[in-house]
Amino acid sequence: MRHMIFGAALALLLPVAAQAQEGDAAAGEKAFAPCKSCHNFEKNGVGPQLKGIVGEKAGQGRDGYAFSEALKNSGITWDEANLKEWLIDPKKKVPGTKMVFPGIKDEKKVNDIIAYLKTKS
């Protein structure tokens, strides 16, 4: 009986947990505000433009942006898992990156930013 109750409770909680990790694109747009000092979705600036970044290979494309050798040789594809690790701590994800941003420690903001980036792909 206990296993049935536990199983039922788990079945109810799993969709909530998955939903919490998906992120909110509208909130992500607001959380992306500090990123705008280096990134946009139209042309390269201090950092590369980010339009269509989700699903692309790191350190490639971006209309000739001068990526670090570390990022070019990372072998990373910008899927949700890699973006999450990068946004939390870029220098840990890719030692030798030239991105000076220290990262975002709030996991909800990270998930929201990823949801926002997906709308720009």
C-alpha atoms as a PDB file:
ATOM      1  CA  MET A   1       0.000   0.000   0.000  1.00  0.00           C
ATOM      2  CA  ARG A   2       2.819   2.396   0.892  1.00  0.00           C
ATOM      3  CA  HIS A   3       4.448   1.823  -2.490  1.00  0.00           C
ATOM      4  CA  MET A   4       1.197   2.642  -4.259  1.00  0.00           C
ATOM      5  CA  ILE A   5       0.827   5.919  -2.368  1.00  0.00           C
ATOM      6  CA  PHE A   6       4.482   6.824  -2.989  1.00  0.00           C
ATOM      7  CA  GLY A   7       4.120   5.956  -6.672  1.00  0.00           C
ATOM      8  CA  ALA A   8       0.977   8.059  -7.004  1.00  0.00           C
ATOM      9  CA  ALA A   9       2.637  11.023  -5.270  1.00  0.00           C
ATOM     10  CA  LEU A  10       5.698  10.700  -7.487  1.00  0.00           C
ATOM     11  CA  ALA A  11       3.541  10.577 -10.615  1.00  0.00           C
ATOM     12  CA  LEU A  12       1.894  13.826  -9.549  1.00  0.00           C
ATOM     13  CA  LEU A  13       5.167  15.594  -8.736  1.00  0.00           C
ATOM     14  CA  LEU A  14       7.234  14.661 -11.797  1.00  0.00           C
ATOM     15  CA  PRO A  15       5.322  16.857 -14.257  1.00  0.00           C
ATOM     16  CA  VAL A  16       5.633  19.780 -11.827  1.00  0.00           C
ATOM     17  CA  ALA A  17       9.401  19.275 -11.525  1.00  0.00           C
ATOM     18  CA  ALA A  18       9.814  19.023 -15.298  1.00  0.00           C
ATOM     19  CA  GLN A  19       7.686  22.119 -15.808  1.00  0.00           C
ATOM     20  CA  ALA A  20       9.768  24.083 -13.302  1.00  0.00           C
ATOM     21  CA  GLN A  21      12.939  23.344 -15.297  1.00  0.00           C
ATOM     22  CA  GLU A  22      11.503  24.363 -18.679  1.00  0.00           C
ATOM     23  CA  GLY A  23      11.786  28.073 -18.114  1.00  0.00           C
ATOM     24  CA  ASP A  24       9.620  31.052 -18.966  1.00  0.00           C
ATOM     25  CA  ALA A  25      10.655  32.937 -22.115  1.00  0.00           C
ATOM     26  CA  ALA A  26       9.056  36.217 -20.973  1.00  0.00           C
ATOM     27  CA  ALA A  27      10.947  36.077 -17.690  1.00  0.00           C
ATOM     28  CA  GLY A  28      14.029  35.050 -19.677  1.00  0.00           C
ATOM     29  CA  GLU A  29      13.833  38.200 -21.771  1.00  0.00           C
ATOM     30  CA  LYS A  30      14.041  40.246 -18.569  1.00  0.00           C
ATOM     31  CA  ALA A  31      16.812  38.042 -17.136  1.00  0.00           C
ATOM     32  CA  PHE A  32      18.750  38.469 -20.410  1.00  0.00           C
ATOM     33  CA  ALA A  33      18.981  42.257 -19.852  1.00  0.00           C
ATOM     34  CA  PRO A  34      22.543  42.192 -18.393  1.00  0.00           C
ATOM     35  CA  CYS A  35      23.674  40.077 -21.378  1.00  0.00           C
ATOM     36  CA  LYS A  36      22.670  42.871 -23.780  1.00  0.00           C
ATOM     37  CA  SER A  37      25.798  44.852 -22.954  1.00  0.00           C
ATOM     38  CA  CYS A  38      27.736  42.283 -25.045  1.00  0.00           C
ATOM     39  CA  HIS A  39      25.154  40.237 -26.996  1.00  0.00           C
ATOM     40  CA  ASN A  40      22.208  40.899 -29.295  1.00  0.00           C
ATOM     41  CA  PHE A  41      20.416  38.953 -32.018  1.00  0.00           C
ATOM     42  CA  GLU A  42      21.434  40.898 -35.105  1.00  0.00           C
ATOM     43  CA  LYS A  43      25.173  41.610 -35.231  1.00  0.00           C
ATOM     44  CA  ASN A  44      28.337  40.784 -33.361  1.00  0.00           C
ATOM     45  CA  GLY A  45      29.506  43.181 -30.713  1.00  0.00           C
ATOM     46  CA  VAL A  46      31.768  42.604 -27.743  1.00  0.00           C
ATOM     47  CA  GLY A  47      30.269  39.102 -27.831  1.00  0.00           C
ATOM     48  CA  PRO A  48      28.784  37.214 -30.760  1.00  0.00           C
ATOM     49  CA  GLN A  49      25.190  37.750 -31.849  1.00  0.00           C
ATOM     50  CA  LEU A  50      23.015  34.942 -30.512  1.00  0.00           C
ATOM     51  CA  LYS A  51      20.194  34.522 -33.040  1.00  0.00           C
ATOM     52  CA  GLY A  52      19.751  30.815 -33.693  1.00  0.00           C
ATOM     53  CA  ILE A  53      22.397  29.782 -31.165  1.00  0.00           C
ATOM     54  CA  VAL A  54      20.373  26.896 -29.705  1.00  0.00           C
ATOM     55  CA  GLY A  55      21.456  23.732 -31.498  1.00  0.00           C
ATOM     56  CA  GLU A  56      24.566  25.240 -33.118  1.00  0.00           C
ATOM     57  CA  LYS A  57      28.206  24.280 -32.631  1.00  0.00           C
ATOM     58  CA  ALA A  58      30.155  26.481 -30.235  1.00  0.00           C
ATOM     59  CA  GLY A  59      32.821  28.759 -31.655  1.00  0.00           C
ATOM     60  CA  GLN A  60      31.553  28.633 -35.235  1.00  0.00           C
ATOM     61  CA  GLY A  61      29.531  30.870 -37.516  1.00  0.00           C
ATOM     62  CA  ARG A  62      28.377  34.165 -36.075  1.00  0.00           C
ATOM     63  CA  ASP A  63      29.486  36.130 -39.153  1.00  0.00           C
ATOM     64  CA  GLY A  64      33.208  35.964 -38.483  1.00  0.00           C
ATOM     65  CA  TYR A  65      33.222  36.632 -34.740  1.00  0.00           C
ATOM     66  CA  ALA A  66      36.717  35.985 -33.290  1.00  0.00           C
ATOM     67  CA  PHE A  67      36.053  33.141 -30.848  1.00  0.00           C
ATOM     68  CA  SER A  68      38.710  31.885 -28.438  1.00  0.00           C
ATOM     69  CA  GLU A  69      40.588  28.755 -29.480  1.00  0.00           C
ATOM     70  CA  ALA A  70      39.202  27.084 -26.351  1.00  0.00           C
ATOM     71  CA  LEU A  71      35.618  27.617 -27.491  1.00  0.00           C
ATOM     72  CA  LYS A  72      36.363  26.737 -31.136  1.00  0.00           C
ATOM     73  CA  ASN A  73      37.952  23.457 -30.030  1.00  0.00           C
ATOM     74  CA  SER A  74      35.412  22.608 -27.309  1.00  0.00           C
ATOM     75  CA  GLY A  75      33.281  20.314 -29.478  1.00  0.00           C
ATOM     76  CA  ILE A  76      30.188  21.681 -27.733  1.00  0.00           C
ATOM     77  CA  THR A  77      26.793  21.928 -29.379  1.00  0.00           C
ATOM     78  CA  TRP A  78      24.608  24.537 -27.690  1.00  0.00           C
ATOM     79  CA  ASP A  79      21.826  22.267 -26.472  1.00  0.00           C
ATOM     80  CA  GLU A  80      19.935  23.030 -23.280  1.00  0.00           C
ATOM     81  CA  ALA A  81      22.316  21.074 -21.028  1.00  0.00           C
ATOM     82  CA  ASN A  82      25.441  22.764 -22.395  1.00  0.00           C
ATOM     83  CA  LEU A  83      23.833  26.202 -22.338  1.00  0.00           C
ATOM     84  CA  LYS A  84      22.833  25.651 -18.737  1.00  0.00           C
ATOM     85  CA  GLU A  85      26.366  24.712 -17.667  1.00  0.00           C
ATOM     86  CA  TRP A  86      27.787  27.636 -19.672  1.00  0.00           C
ATOM     87  CA  LEU A  87      25.387  30.209 -18.220  1.00  0.00           C
ATOM     88  CA  ILE A  88      26.085  29.002 -14.682  1.00  0.00           C
ATOM     89  CA  ASP A  89      29.884  29.154 -15.060  1.00  0.00           C
ATOM     90  CA  PRO A  90      31.410  29.859 -18.498  1.00  0.00           C
ATOM     91  CA  LYS A  91      35.028  29.512 -17.363  1.00  0.00           C
ATOM     92  CA  LYS A  92      34.340  26.145 -15.751  1.00  0.00           C
ATOM     93  CA  LYS A  93      32.491  24.880 -18.830  1.00  0.00           C
ATOM     94  CA  VAL A  94      35.213  26.027 -21.240  1.00  0.00           C
ATOM     95  CA  PRO A  95      38.517  26.848 -19.529  1.00  0.00           C
ATOM     96  CA  GLY A  96      40.303  29.447 -21.638  1.00  0.00           C
ATOM     97  CA  THR A  97      37.172  31.162 -22.922  1.00  0.00           C
ATOM     98  CA  LYS A  98      37.539  34.903 -23.367  1.00  0.00           C
ATOM     99  CA  MET A  99      34.048  35.530 -21.961  1.00  0.00           C
ATOM    100  CA  VAL A 100      34.567  37.403 -18.693  1.00  0.00           C
ATOM    101  CA  PHE A 101      30.997  36.995 -17.402  1.00  0.00           C
ATOM    102  CA  PRO A 102      31.083  35.184 -14.013  1.00  0.00           C
ATOM    103  CA  GLY A 103      27.851  33.248 -14.563  1.00  0.00           C
ATOM    104  CA  ILE A 104      24.313  33.149 -13.230  1.00  0.00           C
ATOM    105  CA  LYS A 105      23.808  31.187 -10.045  1.00  0.00           C
ATOM    106  CA  ASP A 106      19.989  31.357 -10.046  1.00  0.00           C
ATOM    107  CA  GLU A 107      18.873  28.179 -11.847  1.00  0.00           C
ATOM    108  CA  LYS A 108      15.415  29.587 -12.590  1.00  0.00           C
ATOM    109  CA  LYS A 109      16.940  32.588 -14.375  1.00  0.00           C
ATOM    110  CA  VAL A 110      19.207  30.251 -16.344  1.00  0.00           C
ATOM    111  CA  ASN A 111      16.227  28.136 -17.436  1.00  0.00           C
ATOM    112  CA  ASP A 112      14.283  31.281 -18.318  1.00  0.00           C
ATOM    113  CA  ILE A 113      17.150  32.659 -20.423  1.00  0.00           C
ATOM    114  CA  ILE A 114      17.431  29.354 -22.291  1.00  0.00           C
ATOM    115  CA  ALA A 115      13.682  29.452 -22.983  1.00  0.00           C
ATOM    116  CA  TYR A 116      14.124  33.010 -24.294  1.00  0.00           C
ATOM    117  CA  LEU A 117      17.090  32.036 -26.492  1.00  0.00           C
ATOM    118  CA  LYS A 118      14.985  29.240 -27.967  1.00  0.00           C
ATOM    119  CA  THR A 119      12.453  31.839 -29.156  1.00  0.00           C
ATOM    120  CA  LYS A 120      15.284  33.532 -31.078  1.00  0.00           C
ATOM    121  CA  SER A 121      16.280  30.393 -32.971  1.00  0.00           C
END
